[in-house]
Amino acid sequence: MDDTEDLKEKIEDLKTEHRDLDVVIEQLSQSVPVDFLRLQRLKKRKLMLKDQILKLESMLLPDIIA
């Protein structure tokens, strides 16, 4: 059960970082001049976080034998 709680905590941490990146990306895209390279890197990081979140969430689902 401890592993499940650890996974849930890790997922929440990743979701928080994902939301924080939303804010940073929005602010950066509003700034003049726009730093497109940094913006692209942040978006890539955000996508990697989303992939990690989905992977960890799938680990929480019980295996269903068909």
PDB file of N, CA and C in Angstrom:
ATOM      1  N   MET A   1       0.822  -1.199   0.000  1.00  0.00           N
ATOM      2  CA  MET A   1       0.000   0.000   0.000  1.00  0.00           C
ATOM      3  C   MET A   1       0.866   1.262   0.000  1.00  0.00           C
ATOM      4  N   ASP A   2       2.057   1.138   0.549  1.00  0.00           N
ATOM      5  CA  ASP A   2       2.962   2.275   0.606  1.00  0.00           C
ATOM      6  C   ASP A   2       3.390   2.716  -0.787  1.00  0.00           C
ATOM      7  N   ASP A   3       3.574   1.741  -1.685  1.00  0.00           N
ATOM      8  CA  ASP A   3       3.951   2.059  -3.059  1.00  0.00           C
ATOM      9  C   ASP A   3       2.862   2.872  -3.756  1.00  0.00           C
ATOM     10  N   THR A   4       1.618   2.531  -3.488  1.00  0.00           N
ATOM     11  CA  THR A   4       0.490   3.253  -4.077  1.00  0.00           C
ATOM     12  C   THR A   4       0.480   4.708  -3.617  1.00  0.00           C
ATOM     13  N   GLU A   5       0.708   4.907  -2.343  1.00  0.00           N
ATOM     14  CA  GLU A   5       0.733   6.273  -1.804  1.00  0.00           C
ATOM     15  C   GLU A   5       1.910   7.064  -2.382  1.00  0.00           C
ATOM     16  N   ASP A   6       3.044   6.400  -2.543  1.00  0.00           N
ATOM     17  CA  ASP A   6       4.208   7.055  -3.143  1.00  0.00           C
ATOM     18  C   ASP A   6       3.921   7.465  -4.583  1.00  0.00           C
ATOM     19  N   LEU A   7       3.259   6.576  -5.322  1.00  0.00           N
ATOM     20  CA  LEU A   7       2.898   6.884  -6.706  1.00  0.00           C
ATOM     21  C   LEU A   7       1.939   8.073  -6.774  1.00  0.00           C
ATOM     22  N   LYS A   8       0.943   8.072  -5.904  1.00  0.00           N
ATOM     23  CA  LYS A   8      -0.023   9.170  -5.894  1.00  0.00           C
ATOM     24  C   LYS A   8       0.655  10.496  -5.564  1.00  0.00           C
ATOM     25  N   GLU A   9       1.584  10.455  -4.630  1.00  0.00           N
ATOM     26  CA  GLU A   9       2.304  11.672  -4.254  1.00  0.00           C
ATOM     27  C   GLU A   9       3.164  12.169  -5.417  1.00  0.00           C
ATOM     28  N   LYS A  10       3.838  11.253  -6.084  1.00  0.00           N
ATOM     29  CA  LYS A  10       4.663  11.612  -7.236  1.00  0.00           C
ATOM     30  C   LYS A  10       3.805  12.203  -8.356  1.00  0.00           C
ATOM     31  N   ILE A  11       2.638  11.623  -8.588  1.00  0.00           N
ATOM     32  CA  ILE A  11       1.718  12.132  -9.608  1.00  0.00           C
ATOM     33  C   ILE A  11       1.286  13.551  -9.271  1.00  0.00           C
ATOM     34  N   GLU A  12       0.964  13.796  -8.029  1.00  0.00           N
ATOM     35  CA  GLU A  12       0.549  15.144  -7.616  1.00  0.00           C
ATOM     36  C   GLU A  12       1.681  16.145  -7.793  1.00  0.00           C
ATOM     37  N   ASP A  13       2.897  15.737  -7.481  1.00  0.00           N
ATOM     38  CA  ASP A  13       4.051  16.620  -7.678  1.00  0.00           C
ATOM     39  C   ASP A  13       4.229  16.957  -9.155  1.00  0.00           C
ATOM     40  N   LEU A  14       4.096  15.958 -10.002  1.00  0.00           N
ATOM     41  CA  LEU A  14       4.240  16.178 -11.437  1.00  0.00           C
ATOM     42  C   LEU A  14       3.119  17.075 -11.973  1.00  0.00           C
ATOM     43  N   LYS A  15       1.905  16.873 -11.476  1.00  0.00           N
ATOM     44  CA  LYS A  15       0.782  17.713 -11.911  1.00  0.00           C
ATOM     45  C   LYS A  15       0.991  19.164 -11.494  1.00  0.00           C
ATOM     46  N   THR A  16       1.549  19.359 -10.311  1.00  0.00           N
ATOM     47  CA  THR A  16       1.830  20.712  -9.839  1.00  0.00           C
ATOM     48  C   THR A  16       2.869  21.380 -10.735  1.00  0.00           C
ATOM     49  N   GLU A  17       3.915  20.652 -11.054  1.00  0.00           N
ATOM     50  CA  GLU A  17       4.937  21.198 -11.948  1.00  0.00           C
ATOM     51  C   GLU A  17       4.350  21.493 -13.324  1.00  0.00           C
ATOM     52  N   HIS A  18       3.466  20.626 -13.795  1.00  0.00           N
ATOM     53  CA  HIS A  18       2.810  20.812 -15.093  1.00  0.00           C
ATOM     54  C   HIS A  18       1.988  22.106 -15.095  1.00  0.00           C
ATOM     55  N   ARG A  19       1.224  22.330 -14.023  1.00  0.00           N
ATOM     56  CA  ARG A  19       0.426  23.561 -13.920  1.00  0.00           C
ATOM     57  C   ARG A  19       1.319  24.794 -13.833  1.00  0.00           C
ATOM     58  N   ASP A  20       2.412  24.678 -13.091  1.00  0.00           N
ATOM     59  CA  ASP A  20       3.344  25.800 -12.970  1.00  0.00           C
ATOM     60  C   ASP A  20       3.948  26.160 -14.324  1.00  0.00           C
ATOM     61  N   LEU A  21       4.230  25.148 -15.111  1.00  0.00           N
ATOM     62  CA  LEU A  21       4.772  25.402 -16.451  1.00  0.00           C
ATOM     63  C   LEU A  21       3.751  26.127 -17.326  1.00  0.00           C
ATOM     64  N   ASP A  22       2.474  25.837 -17.135  1.00  0.00           N
ATOM     65  CA  ASP A  22       1.425  26.561 -17.864  1.00  0.00           C
ATOM     66  C   ASP A  22       1.559  28.061 -17.635  1.00  0.00           C
ATOM     67  N   VAL A  23       1.735  28.424 -16.389  1.00  0.00           N
ATOM     68  CA  VAL A  23       1.836  29.838 -16.019  1.00  0.00           C
ATOM     69  C   VAL A  23       3.094  30.458 -16.624  1.00  0.00           C
ATOM     70  N   VAL A  24       4.204  29.774 -16.511  1.00  0.00           N
ATOM     71  CA  VAL A  24       5.470  30.292 -17.043  1.00  0.00           C
ATOM     72  C   VAL A  24       5.393  30.434 -18.558  1.00  0.00           C
ATOM     73  N   ILE A  25       4.827  29.448 -19.220  1.00  0.00           N
ATOM     74  CA  ILE A  25       4.702  29.497 -20.684  1.00  0.00           C
ATOM     75  C   ILE A  25       3.809  30.664 -21.097  1.00  0.00           C
ATOM     76  N   GLU A  26       2.725  30.860 -20.392  1.00  0.00           N
ATOM     77  CA  GLU A  26       1.819  31.978 -20.709  1.00  0.00           C
ATOM     78  C   GLU A  26       2.527  33.310 -20.535  1.00  0.00           C
ATOM     79  N   GLN A  27       3.245  33.468 -19.442  1.00  0.00           N
ATOM     80  CA  GLN A  27       3.969  34.722 -19.192  1.00  0.00           C
ATOM     81  C   GLN A  27       5.047  34.952 -20.241  1.00  0.00           C
ATOM     82  N   LEU A  28       5.763  33.899 -20.582  1.00  0.00           N
ATOM     83  CA  LEU A  28       6.837  34.023 -21.560  1.00  0.00           C
ATOM     84  C   LEU A  28       6.288  34.369 -22.943  1.00  0.00           C
ATOM     85  N   SER A  29       5.168  33.798 -23.290  1.00  0.00           N
ATOM     86  CA  SER A  29       4.592  34.073 -24.611  1.00  0.00           C
ATOM     87  C   SER A  29       4.045  35.500 -24.708  1.00  0.00           C
ATOM     88  N   GLN A  30       3.755  36.130 -23.569  1.00  0.00           N
ATOM     89  CA  GLN A  30       3.263  37.506 -23.551  1.00  0.00           C
ATOM     90  C   GLN A  30       4.398  38.530 -23.544  1.00  0.00           C
ATOM     91  N   SER A  31       5.606  38.077 -23.209  1.00  0.00           N
ATOM     92  CA  SER A  31       6.731  39.008 -23.123  1.00  0.00           C
ATOM     93  C   SER A  31       7.228  39.388 -24.513  1.00  0.00           C
ATOM     94  N   VAL A  32       7.848  40.556 -24.567  1.00  0.00           N
ATOM     95  CA  VAL A  32       8.390  41.034 -25.832  1.00  0.00           C
ATOM     96  C   VAL A  32       9.862  41.316 -25.608  1.00  0.00           C
ATOM     97  N   PRO A  33      10.762  40.837 -26.389  1.00  0.00           N
ATOM     98  CA  PRO A  33      10.576  39.860 -27.459  1.00  0.00           C
ATOM     99  C   PRO A  33      10.379  38.450 -26.897  1.00  0.00           C
ATOM    100  N   VAL A  34       9.730  37.635 -27.668  1.00  0.00           N
ATOM    101  CA  VAL A  34       9.436  36.266 -27.245  1.00  0.00           C
ATOM    102  C   VAL A  34      10.691  35.409 -27.449  1.00  0.00           C
ATOM    103  N   ASP A  35      11.064  34.682 -26.416  1.00  0.00           N
ATOM    104  CA  ASP A  35      12.201  33.760 -26.486  1.00  0.00           C
ATOM    105  C   ASP A  35      11.660  32.402 -26.944  1.00  0.00           C
ATOM    106  N   PHE A  36      11.639  32.213 -28.266  1.00  0.00           N
ATOM    107  CA  PHE A  36      11.016  31.020 -28.834  1.00  0.00           C
ATOM    108  C   PHE A  36      11.739  29.732 -28.449  1.00  0.00           C
ATOM    109  N   LEU A  37      13.046  29.794 -28.321  1.00  0.00           N
ATOM    110  CA  LEU A  37      13.799  28.602 -27.947  1.00  0.00           C
ATOM    111  C   LEU A  37      13.430  28.158 -26.534  1.00  0.00           C
ATOM    112  N   ARG A  38      13.389  29.103 -25.614  1.00  0.00           N
ATOM    113  CA  ARG A  38      13.012  28.771 -24.233  1.00  0.00           C
ATOM    114  C   ARG A  38      11.568  28.295 -24.174  1.00  0.00           C
ATOM    115  N   LEU A  39      10.710  28.953 -24.925  1.00  0.00           N
ATOM    116  CA  LEU A  39       9.301  28.566 -24.975  1.00  0.00           C
ATOM    117  C   LEU A  39       9.159  27.127 -25.481  1.00  0.00           C
ATOM    118  N   GLN A  40       9.885  26.786 -26.502  1.00  0.00           N
ATOM    119  CA  GLN A  40       9.844  25.433 -27.063  1.00  0.00           C
ATOM    120  C   GLN A  40      10.339  24.409 -26.035  1.00  0.00           C
ATOM    121  N   ARG A  41      11.397  24.733 -25.324  1.00  0.00           N
ATOM    122  CA  ARG A  41      11.935  23.821 -24.312  1.00  0.00           C
ATOM    123  C   ARG A  41      10.949  23.605 -23.172  1.00  0.00           C
ATOM    124  N   LEU A  42      10.298  24.672 -22.758  1.00  0.00           N
ATOM    125  CA  LEU A  42       9.307  24.553 -21.678  1.00  0.00           C
ATOM    126  C   LEU A  42       8.119  23.698 -22.118  1.00  0.00           C
ATOM    127  N   LYS A  43       7.688  23.893 -23.349  1.00  0.00           N
ATOM    128  CA  LYS A  43       6.572  23.094 -23.860  1.00  0.00           C
ATOM    129  C   LYS A  43       6.957  21.617 -23.963  1.00  0.00           C
ATOM    130  N   LYS A  44       8.185  21.362 -24.361  1.00  0.00           N
ATOM    131  CA  LYS A  44       8.666  19.985 -24.451  1.00  0.00           C
ATOM    132  C   LYS A  44       8.710  19.357 -23.055  1.00  0.00           C
ATOM    133  N   ARG A  45       9.178  20.123 -22.069  1.00  0.00           N
ATOM    134  CA  ARG A  45       9.221  19.646 -20.685  1.00  0.00           C
ATOM    135  C   ARG A  45       7.808  19.347 -20.187  1.00  0.00           C
ATOM    136  N   LYS A  46       6.880  20.220 -20.528  1.00  0.00           N
ATOM    137  CA  LYS A  46       5.486  20.034 -20.121  1.00  0.00           C
ATOM    138  C   LYS A  46       4.911  18.751 -20.733  1.00  0.00           C
ATOM    139  N   LEU A  47       5.226  18.493 -21.969  1.00  0.00           N
ATOM    140  CA  LEU A  47       4.760  17.272 -22.634  1.00  0.00           C
ATOM    141  C   LEU A  47       5.369  16.026 -21.988  1.00  0.00           C
ATOM    142  N   MET A  48       6.652  16.093 -21.630  1.00  0.00           N
ATOM    143  CA  MET A  48       7.286  14.960 -20.961  1.00  0.00           C
ATOM    144  C   MET A  48       6.634  14.704 -19.596  1.00  0.00           C
ATOM    145  N   LEU A  49       6.290  15.775 -18.900  1.00  0.00           N
ATOM    146  CA  LEU A  49       5.619  15.623 -17.610  1.00  0.00           C
ATOM    147  C   LEU A  49       4.273  14.936 -17.790  1.00  0.00           C
ATOM    148  N   LYS A  50       3.538  15.347 -18.819  1.00  0.00           N
ATOM    149  CA  LYS A  50       2.232  14.743 -19.070  1.00  0.00           C
ATOM    150  C   LYS A  50       2.376  13.249 -19.350  1.00  0.00           C
ATOM    151  N   ASP A  51       3.385  12.891 -20.128  1.00  0.00           N
ATOM    152  CA  ASP A  51       3.632  11.476 -20.416  1.00  0.00           C
ATOM    153  C   ASP A  51       3.960  10.700 -19.142  1.00  0.00           C
ATOM    154  N   GLN A  52       4.774  11.293 -18.276  1.00  0.00           N
ATOM    155  CA  GLN A  52       5.116  10.638 -17.011  1.00  0.00           C
ATOM    156  C   GLN A  52       3.885  10.461 -16.135  1.00  0.00           C
ATOM    157  N   ILE A  53       3.045  11.476 -16.095  1.00  0.00           N
ATOM    158  CA  ILE A  53       1.819  11.414 -15.289  1.00  0.00           C
ATOM    159  C   ILE A  53       0.934  10.270 -15.776  1.00  0.00           C
ATOM    160  N   LEU A  54       0.728  10.191 -17.085  1.00  0.00           N
ATOM    161  CA  LEU A  54      -0.108   9.132 -17.650  1.00  0.00           C
ATOM    162  C   LEU A  54       0.469   7.747 -17.369  1.00  0.00           C
ATOM    163  N   LYS A  55       1.784   7.629 -17.472  1.00  0.00           N
ATOM    164  CA  LYS A  55       2.430   6.346 -17.207  1.00  0.00           C
ATOM    165  C   LYS A  55       2.226   5.933 -15.746  1.00  0.00           C
ATOM    166  N   LEU A  56       2.432   6.854 -14.825  1.00  0.00           N
ATOM    167  CA  LEU A  56       2.266   6.541 -13.406  1.00  0.00           C
ATOM    168  C   LEU A  56       0.810   6.249 -13.062  1.00  0.00           C
ATOM    169  N   GLU A  57      -0.102   6.999 -13.668  1.00  0.00           N
ATOM    170  CA  GLU A  57      -1.522   6.744 -13.417  1.00  0.00           C
ATOM    171  C   GLU A  57      -1.922   5.357 -13.918  1.00  0.00           C
ATOM    172  N   SER A  58      -1.351   4.931 -15.027  1.00  0.00           N
ATOM    173  CA  SER A  58      -1.675   3.603 -15.546  1.00  0.00           C
ATOM    174  C   SER A  58      -1.146   2.507 -14.615  1.00  0.00           C
ATOM    175  N   MET A  59      -0.082   2.799 -13.893  1.00  0.00           N
ATOM    176  CA  MET A  59       0.469   1.845 -12.934  1.00  0.00           C
ATOM    177  C   MET A  59      -0.456   1.662 -11.734  1.00  0.00           C
ATOM    178  N   LEU A  60      -1.297   2.663 -11.475  1.00  0.00           N
ATOM    179  CA  LEU A  60      -2.234   2.584 -10.353  1.00  0.00           C
ATOM    180  C   LEU A  60      -3.463   1.732 -10.671  1.00  0.00           C
ATOM    181  N   LEU A  61      -3.743   1.596 -11.983  1.00  0.00           N
ATOM    182  CA  LEU A  61      -4.918   0.825 -12.382  1.00  0.00           C
ATOM    183  C   LEU A  61      -4.655  -0.671 -12.216  1.00  0.00           C
ATOM    184  N   PRO A  62      -5.619  -1.384 -11.690  1.00  0.00           N
ATOM    185  CA  PRO A  62      -5.420  -2.831 -11.540  1.00  0.00           C
ATOM    186  C   PRO A  62      -5.425  -3.517 -12.908  1.00  0.00           C
ATOM    187  N   ASP A  63      -4.662  -4.588 -13.009  1.00  0.00           N
ATOM    188  CA  ASP A  63      -4.644  -5.360 -14.254  1.00  0.00           C
ATOM    189  C   ASP A  63      -5.960  -6.106 -14.380  1.00  0.00           C
ATOM    190  N   ILE A  64      -6.569  -6.023 -15.558  1.00  0.00           N
ATOM    191  CA  ILE A  64      -7.835  -6.698 -15.815  1.00  0.00           C
ATOM    192  C   ILE A  64      -7.554  -7.869 -16.745  1.00  0.00           C
ATOM    193  N   ILE A  65      -7.886  -9.039 -16.282  1.00  0.00           N
ATOM    194  CA  ILE A  65      -7.686 -10.233 -17.091  1.00  0.00           C
ATOM    195  C   ILE A  65      -8.932 -10.433 -17.955  1.00  0.00           C
ATOM    196  N   ALA A  66      -8.735 -10.403 -19.254  1.00  0.00           N
ATOM    197  CA  ALA A  66      -9.883 -10.523 -20.179  1.00  0.00           C
ATOM    198  C   ALA A  66     -10.221 -11.963 -20.428  1.00  0.00           C
TER     199      ALA A  66
END
